[in-house]
C-alpha atoms as a PDB file:
ATOM      1  CA  UNK A   1      96.226 137.460 147.986  1.00  0.00           C
ATOM      2  CA  UNK A   2      96.121 139.027 144.532  1.00  0.00           C
ATOM      3  CA  UNK A   3      99.883 138.771 144.339  1.00  0.00           C
ATOM      4  CA  UNK A   4      99.776 135.051 145.221  1.00  0.00           C
ATOM      5  CA  UNK A   5      97.215 134.331 142.448  1.00  0.00           C
ATOM      6  CA  UNK A   6      99.301 136.313 139.979  1.00  0.00           C
ATOM      7  CA  UNK A   7     102.421 134.251 140.855  1.00  0.00           C
ATOM      8  CA  UNK A   8     100.443 130.999 140.560  1.00  0.00           C
ATOM      9  CA  UNK A   9      99.087 132.129 137.168  1.00  0.00           C
ATOM     10  CA  UNK A  10     102.595 132.948 135.933  1.00  0.00           C
ATOM     11  CA  UNK A  11     103.936 129.570 137.129  1.00  0.00           C
ATOM     12  CA  UNK A  12     101.021 127.731 135.461  1.00  0.00           C
ATOM     13  CA  UNK A  13     101.579 129.661 132.216  1.00  0.00           C
ATOM     14  CA  UNK A  14     105.304 128.837 132.232  1.00  0.00           C
ATOM     15  CA  UNK A  15     104.516 125.155 132.890  1.00  0.00           C
ATOM     16  CA  UNK A  16     101.950 125.045 130.069  1.00  0.00           C
ATOM     17  CA  UNK A  17     104.330 126.688 127.580  1.00  0.00           C
ATOM     18  CA  UNK A  18     107.119 124.372 128.755  1.00  0.00           C
ATOM     19  CA  UNK A  19     104.913 121.323 128.157  1.00  0.00           C
ATOM     20  CA  UNK A  20     103.892 122.632 124.719  1.00  0.00           C
ATOM     21  CA  UNK A  21     107.550 123.208 123.808  1.00  0.00           C
ATOM     22  CA  UNK A  22     108.441 119.699 125.005  1.00  0.00           C
ATOM     23  CA  UNK A  23     105.564 118.191 122.998  1.00  0.00           C
ATOM     24  CA  UNK A  24     106.615 120.070 119.848  1.00  0.00           C
ATOM     25  CA  UNK A  25     110.241 119.004 120.316  1.00  0.00           C
ATOM     26  CA  UNK A  26     109.201 115.353 120.800  1.00  0.00           C
ATOM     27  CA  UNK A  27     106.939 115.430 117.745  1.00  0.00           C
ATOM     28  CA  UNK A  28     109.578 116.867 115.420  1.00  0.00           C
ATOM     29  CA  UNK A  29     112.275 114.550 116.789  1.00  0.00           C
ATOM     30  CA  UNK A  30     109.978 111.562 116.178  1.00  0.00           C
ATOM     31  CA  UNK A  31     109.193 112.739 112.633  1.00  0.00           C
ATOM     32  CA  UNK A  32     112.895 113.178 111.842  1.00  0.00           C
ATOM     33  CA  UNK A  33     113.712 109.721 113.233  1.00  0.00           C
ATOM     34  CA  UNK A  34     110.761 108.197 111.328  1.00  0.00           C
ATOM     35  CA  UNK A  35     112.006 109.734 108.064  1.00  0.00           C
ATOM     36  CA  UNK A  36     115.516 108.401 108.749  1.00  0.00           C
ATOM     37  CA  UNK A  37     114.243 104.874 109.482  1.00  0.00           C
ATOM     38  CA  UNK A  38     111.942 104.977 106.435  1.00  0.00           C
ATOM     39  CA  UNK A  39     114.857 105.944 104.183  1.00  0.00           C
ATOM     40  CA  UNK A  40     117.070 103.265 105.740  1.00  0.00           C
ATOM     41  CA  UNK A  41     114.461 100.507 105.414  1.00  0.00           C
ATOM     42  CA  UNK A  42     113.592 101.491 101.826  1.00  0.00           C
ATOM     43  CA  UNK A  43     117.202 101.084 100.729  1.00  0.00           C
ATOM     44  CA  UNK A  44     117.479  97.838 102.736  1.00  0.00           C
ATOM     45  CA  UNK A  45     114.296  96.432 101.169  1.00  0.00           C
ATOM     46  CA  UNK A  46     115.582  97.218  97.682  1.00  0.00           C
ATOM     47  CA  UNK A  47     119.011  95.737  98.408  1.00  0.00           C
ATOM     48  CA  UNK A  48     117.534  92.617 100.031  1.00  0.00           C
ATOM     49  CA  UNK A  49     115.182  91.980  97.122  1.00  0.00           C
ATOM     50  CA  UNK A  50     118.005  92.451  94.612  1.00  0.00           C
ATOM     51  CA  UNK A  51     120.313  90.094  96.514  1.00  0.00           C
ATOM     52  CA  UNK A  52     117.714  87.320  96.445  1.00  0.00           C
ATOM     53  CA  UNK A  53     116.315  87.725  92.914  1.00  0.00           C
ATOM     54  CA  UNK A  54     119.651  88.295  91.188  1.00  0.00           C
ATOM     55  CA  UNK A  55     120.921  84.799  91.971  1.00  0.00           C
ATOM     56  CA  UNK A  56     117.634  83.071  92.864  1.00  0.00           C
ATOM     57  CA  UNK A  57     119.568  81.308  95.610  1.00  0.00           C
ATOM     58  CA  UNK A  58     117.520  80.397  98.683  1.00  0.00           C
ATOM     59  CA  UNK A  59     120.617  80.703 100.894  1.00  0.00           C
ATOM     60  CA  UNK A  60     120.662  84.444 100.084  1.00  0.00           C
ATOM     61  CA  UNK A  61     117.234  84.751 101.679  1.00  0.00           C
ATOM     62  CA  UNK A  62     118.371  82.795 104.711  1.00  0.00           C
ATOM     63  CA  UNK A  63     121.355  85.143 105.192  1.00  0.00           C
ATOM     64  CA  UNK A  64     119.068  88.163 105.632  1.00  0.00           C
ATOM     65  CA  UNK A  65     116.247  86.359 107.462  1.00  0.00           C
ATOM     66  CA  UNK A  66     115.079  87.043 111.005  1.00  0.00           C
ATOM     67  CA  UNK A  67     115.292  84.059 113.423  1.00  0.00           C
ATOM     68  CA  UNK A  68     111.466  83.803 113.301  1.00  0.00           C
ATOM     69  CA  UNK A  69     111.490  83.319 109.522  1.00  0.00           C
ATOM     70  CA  UNK A  70     114.368  80.843 109.707  1.00  0.00           C
ATOM     71  CA  UNK A  71     112.463  78.811 112.308  1.00  0.00           C
ATOM     72  CA  UNK A  72     109.381  78.836 110.049  1.00  0.00           C
ATOM     73  CA  UNK A  73     111.417  77.777 107.001  1.00  0.00           C
ATOM     74  CA  UNK A  74     112.933  74.849 108.876  1.00  0.00           C
ATOM     75  CA  UNK A  75     109.577  73.279 109.699  1.00  0.00           C
ATOM     76  CA  UNK A  76     109.049  69.865 108.063  1.00  0.00           C
ATOM     77  CA  UNK A  77     106.132  71.004 105.856  1.00  0.00           C
ATOM     78  CA  UNK A  78     108.088  73.922 104.329  1.00  0.00           C
ATOM     79  CA  UNK A  79     109.971  73.539 101.067  1.00  0.00           C
ATOM     80  CA  UNK A  80     111.941  76.722 100.446  1.00  0.00           C
ATOM     81  CA  UNK A  81     113.799  75.207  97.531  1.00  0.00           C
ATOM     82  CA  UNK A  82     110.425  74.283  95.980  1.00  0.00           C
ATOM     83  CA  UNK A  83     109.334  77.919  96.129  1.00  0.00           C
ATOM     84  CA  UNK A  84     112.594  79.031  94.559  1.00  0.00           C
ATOM     85  CA  UNK A  85     112.189  76.448  91.800  1.00  0.00           C
ATOM     86  CA  UNK A  86     108.956  78.259  90.861  1.00  0.00           C
ATOM     87  CA  UNK A  87     110.490  81.717  91.374  1.00  0.00           C
ATOM     88  CA  UNK A  88     113.378  80.881  89.025  1.00  0.00           C
ATOM     89  CA  UNK A  89     110.879  80.691  86.143  1.00  0.00           C
ATOM     90  CA  UNK A  90     110.835  84.500  86.209  1.00  0.00           C
ATOM     91  CA  UNK A  91     114.409  84.519  84.893  1.00  0.00           C
ATOM     92  CA  UNK A  92     116.946  87.297  85.154  1.00  0.00           C
ATOM     93  CA  UNK A  93     116.153  90.730  86.541  1.00  0.00           C
ATOM     94  CA  UNK A  94     115.431  93.207  83.722  1.00  0.00           C
ATOM     95  CA  UNK A  95     114.362  96.417  85.460  1.00  0.00           C
ATOM     96  CA  UNK A  96     115.239  98.257  88.645  1.00  0.00           C
ATOM     97  CA  UNK A  97     113.472  97.176  91.822  1.00  0.00           C
ATOM     98  CA  UNK A  98     111.060  99.900  92.991  1.00  0.00           C
ATOM     99  CA  UNK A  99     109.966  99.521  96.603  1.00  0.00           C
ATOM    100  CA  UNK A 100     107.092 101.451  98.143  1.00  0.00           C
ATOM    101  CA  UNK A 101     106.363 101.626 101.866  1.00  0.00           C
ATOM    102  CA  UNK A 102     103.034  99.965 102.677  1.00  0.00           C
ATOM    103  CA  UNK A 103     103.067  99.958 106.476  1.00  0.00           C
ATOM    104  CA  UNK A 104     105.372 101.215 109.201  1.00  0.00           C
ATOM    105  CA  UNK A 105     105.019 100.502 112.892  1.00  0.00           C
ATOM    106  CA  UNK A 106     107.317 101.203 115.782  1.00  0.00           C
ATOM    107  CA  UNK A 107     106.786 100.159 119.384  1.00  0.00           C
ATOM    108  CA  UNK A 108     108.918 101.721 122.063  1.00  0.00           C
ATOM    109  CA  UNK A 109     108.445  99.744 125.238  1.00  0.00           C
ATOM    110  CA  UNK A 110     108.257  96.061 125.987  1.00  0.00           C
ATOM    111  CA  UNK A 111     108.710  94.496 123.517  1.00  0.00           C
ATOM    112  CA  UNK A 112     110.522  97.145 121.497  1.00  0.00           C
ATOM    113  CA  UNK A 113     110.464  96.680 117.721  1.00  0.00           C
ATOM    114  CA  UNK A 114     110.132  98.399 114.375  1.00  0.00           C
ATOM    115  CA  UNK A 115     108.343  96.843 111.398  1.00  0.00           C
ATOM    116  CA  UNK A 116     108.420  98.133 107.822  1.00  0.00           C
ATOM    117  CA  UNK A 117     106.367  96.464 105.064  1.00  0.00           C
ATOM    118  CA  UNK A 118     107.263  97.123 101.435  1.00  0.00           C
ATOM    119  CA  UNK A 119     105.727  96.271  98.097  1.00  0.00           C
ATOM    120  CA  UNK A 120     108.404  96.084  95.413  1.00  0.00           C
ATOM    121  CA  UNK A 121     107.647  95.906  91.724  1.00  0.00           C
ATOM    122  CA  UNK A 122     110.027  94.921  88.954  1.00  0.00           C
ATOM    123  CA  UNK A 123     110.185  92.991  85.735  1.00  0.00           C
ATOM    124  CA  UNK A 124     112.118  89.903  84.796  1.00  0.00           C
ATOM    125  CA  UNK A 125     112.900  88.402  81.429  1.00  0.00           C
ATOM    126  CA  UNK A 126     109.809  86.159  81.633  1.00  0.00           C
ATOM    127  CA  UNK A 127     107.303  88.461  83.332  1.00  0.00           C
ATOM    128  CA  UNK A 128     106.371  91.103  85.859  1.00  0.00           C
ATOM    129  CA  UNK A 129     106.365  90.486  89.604  1.00  0.00           C
ATOM    130  CA  UNK A 130     105.418  92.133  92.861  1.00  0.00           C
ATOM    131  CA  UNK A 131     107.555  91.237  95.836  1.00  0.00           C
ATOM    132  CA  UNK A 132     106.281  91.768  99.370  1.00  0.00           C
ATOM    133  CA  UNK A 133     108.959  92.085 102.019  1.00  0.00           C
ATOM    134  CA  UNK A 134     108.680  92.824 105.723  1.00  0.00           C
ATOM    135  CA  UNK A 135     111.665  94.076 107.680  1.00  0.00           C
ATOM    136  CA  UNK A 136     111.817  93.868 111.469  1.00  0.00           C
ATOM    137  CA  UNK A 137     114.274  95.247 113.979  1.00  0.00           C
ATOM    138  CA  UNK A 138     113.936  93.909 117.528  1.00  0.00           C
ATOM    139  CA  UNK A 139     115.957  92.360 120.333  1.00  0.00           C
ATOM    140  CA  UNK A 140     116.457  89.153 118.312  1.00  0.00           C
ATOM    141  CA  UNK A 141     117.878  91.022 115.316  1.00  0.00           C
ATOM    142  CA  UNK A 142     120.371  93.093 117.346  1.00  0.00           C
ATOM    143  CA  UNK A 143     119.030  96.477 116.094  1.00  0.00           C
ATOM    144  CA  UNK A 144     119.521  95.404 112.467  1.00  0.00           C
ATOM    145  CA  UNK A 145     116.584  95.078 110.094  1.00  0.00           C
ATOM    146  CA  UNK A 146     116.005  91.475 109.040  1.00  0.00           C
ATOM    147  CA  UNK A 147     113.418  89.889 106.732  1.00  0.00           C
ATOM    148  CA  UNK A 148     110.376  88.183 108.271  1.00  0.00           C
ATOM    149  CA  UNK A 149     108.222  87.996 105.119  1.00  0.00           C
ATOM    150  CA  UNK A 150     109.327  87.450 101.518  1.00  0.00           C
ATOM    151  CA  UNK A 151     106.563  86.696  99.029  1.00  0.00           C
ATOM    152  CA  UNK A 152     106.506  86.995  95.242  1.00  0.00           C
ATOM    153  CA  UNK A 153     103.357  87.299  93.154  1.00  0.00           C
ATOM    154  CA  UNK A 154     103.373  87.130  89.380  1.00  0.00           C
ATOM    155  CA  UNK A 155     100.868  86.253  86.634  1.00  0.00           C
ATOM    156  CA  UNK A 156     103.560  83.888  85.311  1.00  0.00           C
ATOM    157  CA  UNK A 157     102.983  81.568  88.275  1.00  0.00           C
ATOM    158  CA  UNK A 158      99.344  81.034  87.229  1.00  0.00           C
ATOM    159  CA  UNK A 159     100.493  80.051  83.733  1.00  0.00           C
ATOM    160  CA  UNK A 160     102.947  77.561  85.239  1.00  0.00           C
ATOM    161  CA  UNK A 161     100.218  76.004  87.403  1.00  0.00           C
ATOM    162  CA  UNK A 162      97.851  75.703  84.409  1.00  0.00           C
ATOM    163  CA  UNK A 163     100.369  73.544  82.508  1.00  0.00           C
END
């Protein structure tokens, strides 16, 4: 009987250490993948912002937009070109675009998606601006990160509205 309990104790110990090893492996694999995705999305956010603000062409935003954003932009009460008319008041890009991760969320399951929110700051010839961009990768974007949110805030816009 003692021998049976000893064998059961050894089996339980091996199982517990096996589960701990599996948990540690999963954790470090997740962290490495998270770091990779964070690096990838940071460079994508910077590149996407630059592509839009360099030319101030609304079609550049539509090229990198997720189907959800495109559907929203095509609603009758939306005037993308009107927004860009205001955005163009900022002028040419003067400084590098610096993007900082604000929020990161990944869901493995149904639905499966990854969302990365960035706040990008830069300066233009007519003022400073903060650009908020959200990148999503899901079944509709074919594993490629696409833009679902693109918003620019600048003190210059208040001055324009006051005129």
